[in-house]
Amino acid sequence: MFLCIQYVRINWYKYHSPPKGYKKEKEFIAAQGPTPTTLHDFWRMIWEQRITTIVMLTNCVENGRVKCEHYWPLDYTPCTYDDITVSVITETILSDWTIRDFCIKRIITSEVRHARHYHYTSWPDHGVPQTTDTILHFRDLVREDLDKIKDNGPVLVHCSAGVGRTGTFISLDSLLCQAEDQGEIGVFSFVEELRRNRPLMIQNEDQYVFLHQCLLDGIQSAPKNDRVILEHPAVYENILAMQDCEVSQV
């Protein structure tokens, strides 16, 4: 497998020890956003890992700072990264996210593949979205499409540093899948394992609290999962404790 030495030093652990999801081992690849010097290797990794789903949780520029290189074509004119050509086939822009379809071609072999790019645009760095509604809807869109794809490669999830927003999204999807299938979830143990494999996943307390709130709202909105709250009230109790703490600090 080809990866340039510079990129291996930065991201070897991130790409070759991806966190597992609930549904299967190595379901996700957690990555930092590419930089100008790693663009070519970023696309090489997408090709070699046969990635068909990319989840982007950062804007390229936030608060006047570049957080992630713009790694896809700015318009419908193809861009080439070494021997990989990328074209934007469709682009649907909504208020909180954008969905793009890419055509990816390996020049040497003329092989063509397709990937879908889910770009959530309302999540501030080191912070959380204003409500749980949009991220839950966004996650459902991603999961519904994933469940339709057979023999797909891992899901590439990235933000800027590849830990805070990335870790929160991976935890949310995996734990909601667990709730649906088993009727129970273990938030602390999942995050603990995630951090054991990749330090700083879920970067701060706000993101950890937001994960709990998303899980509570997501579970309560699904009638068949009501028993999760009744049988395993840890999520609900954690939310109440955090809310009480916030009130006491006012």
Protein backbone atom coordinates (compact mmCIF):
# COMPACT_ATOMS: atom_id res chain seq x y z
CA MET A 1 0.00 0.00 0.00
CA PHE A 2 1.38 3.39 -1.00
CA LEU A 3 1.52 6.23 1.50
CA CYS A 4 4.23 8.86 1.43
CA ILE A 5 6.50 8.97 4.48
CA GLN A 6 5.43 12.48 5.50
CA TYR A 7 1.79 11.51 5.54
CA VAL A 8 2.46 8.23 7.33
CA ARG A 9 4.15 10.08 10.17
CA ILE A 10 1.16 12.35 10.58
CA ASN A 11 -1.72 9.97 10.00
CA TRP A 12 -0.59 6.35 10.06
CA TYR A 13 -2.41 5.60 13.30
CA LYS A 14 -5.49 7.42 12.13
CA TYR A 15 -5.84 5.52 8.89
CA HIS A 16 -4.57 2.09 9.82
CA SER A 17 -6.16 1.75 13.25
CA PRO A 18 -9.61 3.16 12.55
CA PRO A 19 -12.19 3.05 15.34
CA LYS A 20 -14.71 0.29 15.05
CA GLY A 21 -18.38 1.00 14.67
CA TYR A 22 -21.22 -0.95 16.19
CA LYS A 23 -22.23 -2.78 13.01
CA LYS A 24 -18.80 -4.04 11.97
CA GLU A 25 -15.12 -3.85 12.78
CA LYS A 26 -13.24 -0.99 11.15
CA GLU A 27 -16.41 0.69 9.97
CA PHE A 28 -14.88 4.15 10.26
CA ILE A 29 -11.66 5.88 9.36
CA ALA A 30 -11.16 8.94 11.56
CA ALA A 31 -8.98 11.57 9.91
CA GLN A 32 -7.82 15.12 10.23
CA GLY A 33 -8.67 17.43 7.38
CA PRO A 34 -6.09 17.35 4.58
CA THR A 35 -3.50 20.09 4.19
CA PRO A 36 -1.94 21.40 0.96
CA THR A 37 0.92 18.91 1.35
CA THR A 38 -1.32 15.90 1.97
CA LEU A 39 -4.05 16.38 -0.65
CA HIS A 40 -2.66 13.76 -3.02
CA ASP A 41 -2.21 11.20 -0.26
CA PHE A 42 -5.68 11.92 1.08
CA TRP A 43 -7.21 10.90 -2.27
CA ARG A 44 -4.81 7.97 -2.58
CA MET A 45 -6.07 6.73 0.77
CA ILE A 46 -9.70 7.13 -0.37
CA TRP A 47 -8.93 5.03 -3.44
CA GLU A 48 -6.91 2.33 -1.71
CA GLN A 49 -9.43 1.88 1.09
CA ARG A 50 -12.30 1.78 -1.43
CA ILE A 51 -14.14 4.54 0.41
CA THR A 52 -17.57 5.42 -0.99
CA THR A 53 -18.83 7.60 1.87
CA ILE A 54 -17.10 10.72 3.20
CA VAL A 55 -18.48 12.64 6.19
CA MET A 56 -17.01 16.13 6.59
CA LEU A 57 -17.84 18.00 9.80
CA THR A 58 -15.85 21.20 9.38
CA ASN A 59 -15.90 24.18 7.09
CA CYS A 60 -12.73 24.84 5.15
CA VAL A 61 -12.42 28.26 6.80
CA GLU A 62 -13.74 29.03 10.29
CA ASN A 63 -13.34 32.35 12.10
CA GLY A 64 -10.91 33.51 9.44
CA ARG A 65 -8.63 30.48 9.81
CA VAL A 66 -8.09 27.65 7.35
CA LYS A 67 -9.24 24.46 9.11
CA CYS A 68 -9.19 22.09 6.14
CA GLU A 69 -7.91 22.28 2.59
CA HIS A 70 -10.62 22.41 -0.09
CA TYR A 71 -9.93 18.93 -1.47
CA TRP A 72 -12.61 18.63 -4.16
CA PRO A 73 -13.24 20.66 -7.34
CA LEU A 74 -14.61 24.16 -6.81
CA ASP A 75 -16.97 23.71 -9.74
CA TYR A 76 -17.76 20.96 -12.22
CA THR A 77 -14.26 21.07 -13.72
CA PRO A 78 -12.33 17.89 -12.76
CA CYS A 79 -9.22 18.12 -10.57
CA THR A 80 -6.32 15.69 -10.68
CA TYR A 81 -4.34 14.52 -7.65
CA ASP A 82 -1.36 12.49 -8.90
CA ASP A 83 -3.03 9.74 -10.93
CA ILE A 84 -6.53 10.24 -9.51
CA THR A 85 -9.06 12.54 -11.17
CA VAL A 86 -12.03 13.79 -9.15
CA SER A 87 -15.20 15.30 -10.63
CA VAL A 88 -18.29 16.69 -8.93
CA ILE A 89 -21.37 15.09 -10.50
CA THR A 90 -24.10 16.64 -8.34
CA GLU A 91 -24.25 19.11 -5.46
CA THR A 92 -27.26 19.75 -3.22
CA ILE A 93 -26.83 22.71 -0.86
CA LEU A 94 -29.11 22.98 2.18
CA SER A 95 -29.06 25.26 5.21
CA ASP A 96 -27.05 22.95 7.49
CA TRP A 97 -25.34 20.55 5.11
CA THR A 98 -24.38 19.90 1.52
CA ILE A 99 -24.39 16.56 -0.27
CA ARG A 100 -22.09 15.98 -3.24
CA ASP A 101 -21.57 13.02 -5.52
CA PHE A 102 -18.02 12.48 -6.76
CA CYS A 103 -16.74 10.52 -9.72
CA ILE A 104 -13.24 9.23 -8.98
CA LYS A 105 -11.06 7.87 -11.78
CA ARG A 106 -7.68 6.15 -11.57
CA ILE A 107 -5.82 7.39 -14.62
CA ILE A 108 -3.41 4.43 -14.87
CA THR A 109 -6.14 1.80 -15.02
CA SER A 110 -9.11 3.92 -16.21
CA GLU A 111 -11.14 2.42 -13.36
CA VAL A 112 -14.02 4.62 -12.22
CA ARG A 113 -15.69 4.70 -8.81
CA HIS A 114 -18.23 6.92 -7.11
CA ALA A 115 -18.37 8.42 -3.62
CA ARG A 116 -20.89 10.52 -1.75
CA HIS A 117 -19.71 13.51 0.28
CA TYR A 118 -21.83 14.50 3.29
CA HIS A 119 -20.71 17.94 4.43
CA TYR A 120 -22.24 19.20 7.69
CA THR A 121 -21.66 22.96 7.87
CA SER A 122 -23.20 24.04 11.20
CA TRP A 123 -20.81 22.59 13.76
CA PRO A 124 -18.28 25.09 15.21
CA ASP A 125 -14.78 23.95 16.06
CA HIS A 126 -14.43 22.93 19.74
CA GLY A 127 -18.18 23.54 20.11
CA VAL A 128 -21.51 21.90 19.34
CA PRO A 129 -24.49 22.60 17.05
CA GLN A 130 -27.23 24.81 18.49
CA THR A 131 -29.77 21.96 18.58
CA THR A 132 -29.73 18.20 18.23
CA ASP A 133 -32.34 18.16 15.45
CA THR A 134 -30.11 18.87 12.47
CA ILE A 135 -27.24 16.57 13.40
CA LEU A 136 -29.67 13.72 14.13
CA HIS A 137 -31.34 14.25 10.75
CA PHE A 138 -27.93 14.42 9.08
CA ARG A 139 -26.79 11.23 10.81
CA ASP A 140 -29.99 9.45 9.74
CA LEU A 141 -29.36 10.41 6.10
CA VAL A 142 -25.85 9.00 6.26
CA ARG A 143 -26.92 5.80 8.02
CA GLU A 144 -29.85 5.15 5.67
CA ASP A 145 -27.55 5.34 2.67
CA LEU A 146 -24.89 3.19 4.34
CA ASP A 147 -27.39 0.45 5.07
CA LYS A 148 -28.26 0.30 1.36
CA ILE A 149 -24.66 -0.17 0.22
CA LYS A 150 -23.24 -3.68 0.06
CA ASP A 151 -19.52 -4.40 0.34
CA ASN A 152 -18.65 -0.76 0.88
CA GLY A 153 -15.32 0.29 2.34
CA PRO A 154 -14.98 2.11 5.65
CA VAL A 155 -16.67 5.46 6.17
CA LEU A 156 -14.21 8.33 6.17
CA VAL A 157 -15.14 10.84 8.90
CA HIS A 158 -13.10 13.99 9.35
CA CYS A 159 -13.24 17.47 10.82
CA SER A 160 -10.21 19.71 11.28
CA ALA A 161 -8.07 17.84 13.81
CA GLY A 162 -10.06 14.63 13.42
CA VAL A 163 -10.91 14.08 17.08
CA GLY A 164 -13.61 16.37 18.53
CA ARG A 165 -16.43 16.55 16.03
CA THR A 166 -15.26 13.33 14.40
CA GLY A 167 -15.33 11.38 17.65
CA THR A 168 -18.73 12.76 18.59
CA PHE A 169 -20.29 11.78 15.26
CA ILE A 170 -18.81 8.27 15.26
CA SER A 171 -20.03 7.73 18.84
CA LEU A 172 -23.50 9.03 18.01
CA ASP A 173 -23.96 6.77 15.00
CA SER A 174 -22.55 3.67 16.67
CA LEU A 175 -24.53 4.08 19.90
CA LEU A 176 -27.82 4.75 18.10
CA CYS A 177 -27.24 1.58 16.07
CA GLN A 178 -26.60 -0.31 19.30
CA ALA A 179 -29.78 1.10 20.86
CA GLU A 180 -31.81 0.03 17.85
CA ASP A 181 -30.41 -3.49 17.76
CA GLN A 182 -29.93 -4.31 21.44
CA GLY A 183 -32.15 -1.92 23.38
CA GLU A 184 -29.22 -0.77 25.48
CA ILE A 185 -26.17 1.45 25.17
CA GLY A 186 -22.94 2.02 27.05
CA VAL A 187 -21.84 5.59 26.42
CA PHE A 188 -18.90 5.76 28.78
CA SER A 189 -17.44 2.41 27.79
CA PHE A 190 -17.73 3.18 24.08
CA VAL A 191 -16.06 6.58 24.40
CA GLU A 192 -13.40 5.09 26.65
CA GLU A 193 -12.56 2.47 24.03
CA LEU A 194 -12.62 5.09 21.30
CA ARG A 195 -10.11 7.22 23.21
CA ARG A 196 -7.95 4.23 23.98
CA ASN A 197 -7.54 3.67 20.25
CA ARG A 198 -7.31 7.37 19.34
CA PRO A 199 -6.60 9.99 22.04
CA LEU A 200 -8.86 13.05 22.46
CA MET A 201 -11.81 11.59 20.57
CA ILE A 202 -14.66 13.83 21.80
CA GLN A 203 -12.52 16.78 22.67
CA ASN A 204 -14.27 18.51 25.55
CA GLU A 205 -17.12 18.40 28.05
CA ASP A 206 -19.53 20.31 25.81
CA GLN A 207 -19.21 17.67 23.10
CA TYR A 208 -19.64 14.85 25.62
CA VAL A 209 -22.79 16.49 27.03
CA PHE A 210 -24.06 17.10 23.49
CA LEU A 211 -23.55 13.42 22.65
CA HIS A 212 -25.76 12.45 25.60
CA GLN A 213 -28.44 14.94 24.59
CA CYS A 214 -28.40 13.67 21.00
CA LEU A 215 -28.72 10.09 22.19
CA LEU A 216 -31.59 10.96 24.51
CA ASP A 217 -33.46 12.86 21.79
CA GLY A 218 -32.70 10.24 19.16
CA ILE A 219 -33.86 7.37 21.33
CA GLN A 220 -37.00 9.14 22.54
CA SER A 221 -38.00 10.00 18.96
CA ALA A 222 -37.96 6.30 18.02
CA PRO A 223 -40.96 4.56 19.69
CA LYS A 224 -39.45 1.09 19.62
CA ASN A 225 -36.44 2.33 21.58
CA ASP A 226 -38.37 3.76 24.55
CA ARG A 227 -37.30 0.79 26.64
CA VAL A 228 -33.67 1.92 26.39
CA ILE A 229 -34.44 4.82 28.73
CA LEU A 230 -36.46 2.62 31.09
CA GLU A 231 -34.06 -0.29 31.31
CA HIS A 232 -30.81 1.66 31.06
CA PRO A 233 -31.46 5.14 32.50
CA ALA A 234 -27.80 6.19 32.61
CA VAL A 235 -28.16 8.52 29.62
CA TYR A 236 -31.23 10.20 31.11
CA GLU A 237 -29.63 10.50 34.54
CA ASN A 238 -26.45 11.94 33.04
CA ILE A 239 -28.46 14.59 31.20
CA LEU A 240 -30.38 15.56 34.35
CA ALA A 241 -27.18 15.79 36.38
CA MET A 242 -25.53 17.96 33.74
CA GLN A 243 -28.58 20.23 33.52
CA ASP A 244 -28.68 20.60 37.32
CA CYS A 245 -25.00 21.53 37.27
CA GLU A 246 -25.62 24.18 34.62
CA VAL A 247 -28.51 25.67 36.62
CA SER A 248 -26.45 25.81 39.81
CA GLN A 249 -23.73 27.73 37.98
CA VAL A 250 -26.11 30.44 36.73
